[in-house]
Amino acid sequence: MINLSEMKEKEVINIRDGSRLGMIYDFEMDLKKGEVTAIIIPGSGKIMGIFGSNNDIIIDWKKIVKIGEDIILVDLKVDEE
């Protein structure tokens, strides 16, 4: 098991092109089911997830391929970012 605070310490990488997407700063949740439905990474230009444009990258939980010790691998088409 991994908790959400530990996930925020891992870098997210797209396996399709090897790009570094950043660090998770928030999660989307389905409160009725008690499940995480997506991870949210700050868009370009944001500092610490708060300052800048609102181009956040929302990655559906099903797109996560592997959660490792240091990184989270996701499978996103390049135009989905």
N, C-alpha and C. Protein backbone atom coordinates (compact mmCIF):
# COMPACT_ATOMS: atom_id res chain seq x y z
N MET A 1 0.84 -1.19 0.00
CA MET A 1 0.00 0.00 0.00
C MET A 1 0.88 1.25 0.00
N ILE A 2 0.37 2.28 -0.65
CA ILE A 2 1.05 3.57 -0.68
C ILE A 2 0.02 4.63 -0.33
N ASN A 3 0.44 5.62 0.43
CA ASN A 3 -0.52 6.68 0.74
C ASN A 3 -0.31 7.86 -0.19
N LEU A 4 -1.29 8.74 -0.24
CA LEU A 4 -1.26 9.85 -1.19
C LEU A 4 -0.10 10.82 -0.94
N SER A 5 0.26 11.02 0.31
CA SER A 5 1.37 11.94 0.58
C SER A 5 2.68 11.39 0.04
N GLU A 6 2.86 10.07 0.04
CA GLU A 6 4.06 9.46 -0.55
C GLU A 6 4.06 9.63 -2.06
N MET A 7 2.89 9.58 -2.68
CA MET A 7 2.82 9.74 -4.14
C MET A 7 3.24 11.14 -4.56
N LYS A 8 2.97 12.13 -3.73
CA LYS A 8 3.33 13.51 -4.06
C LYS A 8 4.84 13.73 -4.11
N GLU A 9 5.61 12.80 -3.58
CA GLU A 9 7.07 12.90 -3.57
C GLU A 9 7.72 12.24 -4.79
N LYS A 10 6.91 11.69 -5.68
CA LYS A 10 7.43 10.97 -6.84
C LYS A 10 7.24 11.79 -8.12
N GLU A 11 8.21 11.71 -9.00
CA GLU A 11 8.11 12.40 -10.29
C GLU A 11 7.29 11.55 -11.25
N VAL A 12 6.47 12.20 -12.08
CA VAL A 12 5.63 11.52 -13.05
C VAL A 12 6.30 11.60 -14.41
N ILE A 13 6.45 10.43 -15.07
CA ILE A 13 7.11 10.35 -16.37
C ILE A 13 6.21 9.63 -17.35
N ASN A 14 6.11 10.18 -18.56
CA ASN A 14 5.32 9.57 -19.63
C ASN A 14 6.18 8.53 -20.34
N ILE A 15 5.69 7.29 -20.39
CA ILE A 15 6.48 6.22 -21.02
C ILE A 15 6.50 6.32 -22.54
N ARG A 16 5.58 7.06 -23.13
CA ARG A 16 5.54 7.16 -24.60
C ARG A 16 6.72 7.94 -25.17
N ASP A 17 7.11 9.02 -24.47
CA ASP A 17 8.21 9.83 -25.00
C ASP A 17 9.29 10.13 -23.96
N GLY A 18 9.14 9.58 -22.76
CA GLY A 18 10.14 9.78 -21.71
C GLY A 18 10.11 11.15 -21.08
N SER A 19 9.09 11.94 -21.39
CA SER A 19 9.06 13.30 -20.85
C SER A 19 8.72 13.31 -19.35
N ARG A 20 9.34 14.24 -18.67
CA ARG A 20 9.08 14.44 -17.24
C ARG A 20 7.93 15.42 -17.11
N LEU A 21 6.84 14.97 -16.55
CA LEU A 21 5.65 15.80 -16.45
C LEU A 21 5.63 16.64 -15.19
N GLY A 22 6.33 16.21 -14.17
CA GLY A 22 6.38 16.97 -12.92
C GLY A 22 5.97 16.12 -11.74
N MET A 23 5.64 16.81 -10.67
CA MET A 23 5.25 16.17 -9.42
C MET A 23 3.74 16.37 -9.20
N ILE A 24 3.11 15.40 -8.60
CA ILE A 24 1.69 15.49 -8.28
C ILE A 24 1.50 16.57 -7.21
N TYR A 25 0.48 17.41 -7.41
CA TYR A 25 0.15 18.35 -6.35
C TYR A 25 -1.28 18.20 -5.86
N ASP A 26 -2.09 17.40 -6.57
CA ASP A 26 -3.46 17.20 -6.12
C ASP A 26 -4.02 15.92 -6.73
N PHE A 27 -5.18 15.52 -6.23
CA PHE A 27 -5.86 14.32 -6.70
C PHE A 27 -7.33 14.62 -6.92
N GLU A 28 -7.94 13.92 -7.89
CA GLU A 28 -9.39 13.94 -8.03
C GLU A 28 -9.90 12.68 -7.37
N MET A 29 -10.98 12.82 -6.61
CA MET A 29 -11.51 11.69 -5.86
C MET A 29 -12.99 11.51 -6.13
N ASP A 30 -13.43 10.26 -6.10
CA ASP A 30 -14.85 9.92 -6.11
C ASP A 30 -15.18 9.61 -4.65
N LEU A 31 -15.79 10.55 -3.97
CA LEU A 31 -16.04 10.40 -2.54
C LEU A 31 -17.07 9.32 -2.24
N LYS A 32 -18.00 9.10 -3.16
CA LYS A 32 -19.00 8.05 -2.93
C LYS A 32 -18.36 6.66 -2.94
N LYS A 33 -17.39 6.46 -3.82
CA LYS A 33 -16.71 5.17 -3.92
C LYS A 33 -15.45 5.10 -3.05
N GLY A 34 -14.95 6.27 -2.63
CA GLY A 34 -13.73 6.31 -1.85
C GLY A 34 -12.50 5.95 -2.68
N GLU A 35 -12.50 6.41 -3.94
CA GLU A 35 -11.41 6.09 -4.86
C GLU A 35 -10.78 7.35 -5.45
N VAL A 36 -9.48 7.24 -5.73
CA VAL A 36 -8.80 8.29 -6.48
C VAL A 36 -9.11 8.04 -7.95
N THR A 37 -9.56 9.06 -8.67
CA THR A 37 -9.89 8.89 -10.08
C THR A 37 -8.86 9.50 -11.02
N ALA A 38 -8.05 10.46 -10.50
CA ALA A 38 -7.04 11.10 -11.35
C ALA A 38 -5.99 11.77 -10.48
N ILE A 39 -4.82 11.96 -11.09
CA ILE A 39 -3.77 12.75 -10.46
C ILE A 39 -3.65 14.07 -11.22
N ILE A 40 -3.26 15.12 -10.52
CA ILE A 40 -3.16 16.44 -11.14
C ILE A 40 -1.74 16.96 -10.97
N ILE A 41 -1.16 17.37 -12.10
CA ILE A 41 0.20 17.91 -12.14
C ILE A 41 0.09 19.35 -12.60
N PRO A 42 0.80 20.27 -11.94
CA PRO A 42 0.70 21.68 -12.35
C PRO A 42 1.18 21.88 -13.78
N GLY A 43 0.46 22.72 -14.52
CA GLY A 43 0.83 23.03 -15.89
C GLY A 43 2.08 23.87 -15.95
N SER A 44 2.60 24.03 -17.14
CA SER A 44 3.82 24.82 -17.31
C SER A 44 3.59 26.25 -16.84
N GLY A 45 4.60 26.81 -16.24
CA GLY A 45 4.52 28.18 -15.76
C GLY A 45 4.06 28.32 -14.33
N LYS A 46 3.60 27.22 -13.73
CA LYS A 46 3.16 27.30 -12.34
C LYS A 46 4.34 27.08 -11.41
N ILE A 47 4.32 27.79 -10.31
CA ILE A 47 5.35 27.65 -9.28
C ILE A 47 4.69 27.04 -8.05
N MET A 48 5.17 25.88 -7.65
CA MET A 48 4.63 25.16 -6.49
C MET A 48 3.14 24.91 -6.64
N GLY A 49 2.68 24.80 -7.89
CA GLY A 49 1.30 24.46 -8.15
C GLY A 49 0.29 25.58 -7.97
N ILE A 50 0.75 26.81 -7.72
CA ILE A 50 -0.23 27.85 -7.45
C ILE A 50 -0.14 29.09 -8.34
N PHE A 51 1.03 29.52 -8.73
CA PHE A 51 1.16 30.75 -9.50
C PHE A 51 1.34 30.41 -10.98
N GLY A 52 0.60 31.06 -11.84
CA GLY A 52 0.74 30.86 -13.27
C GLY A 52 -0.57 30.48 -13.92
N SER A 53 -0.49 30.09 -15.19
CA SER A 53 -1.70 29.77 -15.93
C SER A 53 -2.31 28.46 -15.45
N ASN A 54 -3.57 28.26 -15.77
CA ASN A 54 -4.28 27.07 -15.30
C ASN A 54 -4.29 25.98 -16.38
N ASN A 55 -3.11 25.50 -16.75
CA ASN A 55 -2.97 24.44 -17.74
C ASN A 55 -2.59 23.13 -17.06
N ASP A 56 -3.27 22.82 -15.97
CA ASP A 56 -2.95 21.61 -15.22
C ASP A 56 -3.09 20.38 -16.10
N ILE A 57 -2.26 19.40 -15.82
CA ILE A 57 -2.34 18.12 -16.52
C ILE A 57 -3.11 17.18 -15.60
N ILE A 58 -4.27 16.74 -16.06
CA ILE A 58 -5.10 15.81 -15.29
C ILE A 58 -4.96 14.45 -15.94
N ILE A 59 -4.42 13.50 -15.16
CA ILE A 59 -4.13 12.16 -15.68
C ILE A 59 -5.07 11.17 -15.00
N ASP A 60 -5.88 10.52 -15.81
CA ASP A 60 -6.81 9.51 -15.31
C ASP A 60 -6.04 8.40 -14.60
N TRP A 61 -6.58 7.92 -13.50
CA TRP A 61 -5.92 6.88 -12.71
C TRP A 61 -5.59 5.65 -13.56
N LYS A 62 -6.44 5.36 -14.54
CA LYS A 62 -6.23 4.18 -15.40
C LYS A 62 -5.01 4.32 -16.30
N LYS A 63 -4.50 5.54 -16.46
CA LYS A 63 -3.32 5.78 -17.30
C LYS A 63 -2.01 5.52 -16.55
N ILE A 64 -2.09 5.28 -15.24
CA ILE A 64 -0.89 4.97 -14.46
C ILE A 64 -0.48 3.53 -14.75
N VAL A 65 0.77 3.37 -15.19
CA VAL A 65 1.29 2.05 -15.55
C VAL A 65 1.97 1.40 -14.35
N LYS A 66 2.78 2.17 -13.64
CA LYS A 66 3.58 1.62 -12.55
C LYS A 66 3.90 2.73 -11.55
N ILE A 67 3.80 2.38 -10.28
CA ILE A 67 4.23 3.29 -9.22
C ILE A 67 5.46 2.67 -8.60
N GLY A 68 6.61 3.31 -8.82
CA GLY A 68 7.88 2.81 -8.32
C GLY A 68 8.30 3.53 -7.05
N GLU A 69 9.52 3.25 -6.62
CA GLU A 69 10.03 3.88 -5.40
C GLU A 69 10.23 5.38 -5.57
N ASP A 70 10.69 5.80 -6.78
CA ASP A 70 11.01 7.21 -7.01
C ASP A 70 10.14 7.89 -8.06
N ILE A 71 9.51 7.10 -8.93
CA ILE A 71 8.76 7.69 -10.04
C ILE A 71 7.42 6.98 -10.23
N ILE A 72 6.55 7.67 -10.96
CA ILE A 72 5.28 7.12 -11.39
C ILE A 72 5.28 7.16 -12.91
N LEU A 73 5.08 6.01 -13.53
CA LEU A 73 5.05 5.92 -14.99
C LEU A 73 3.61 5.97 -15.47
N VAL A 74 3.36 6.84 -16.45
CA VAL A 74 2.02 6.97 -17.04
C VAL A 74 2.12 6.76 -18.54
N ASP A 75 1.02 6.33 -19.13
CA ASP A 75 0.96 6.12 -20.58
C ASP A 75 -0.02 7.12 -21.18
N LEU A 76 0.53 8.24 -21.66
CA LEU A 76 -0.29 9.30 -22.26
C LEU A 76 0.14 9.54 -23.70
N LYS A 77 -0.85 9.71 -24.58
CA LYS A 77 -0.53 10.17 -25.91
C LYS A 77 0.04 11.58 -25.75
N VAL A 78 0.97 11.95 -26.59
CA VAL A 78 1.63 13.24 -26.47
C VAL A 78 0.63 14.39 -26.52
N ASP A 79 -0.44 14.29 -27.30
CA ASP A 79 -1.42 15.37 -27.38
C ASP A 79 -2.36 15.41 -26.19
N GLU A 80 -2.33 14.41 -25.29
CA GLU A 80 -3.17 14.40 -24.09
C GLU A 80 -2.59 15.26 -22.98
N GLU A 81 -1.30 15.57 -23.04
CA GLU A 81 -0.63 16.33 -21.96
C GLU A 81 -1.11 17.75 -21.91
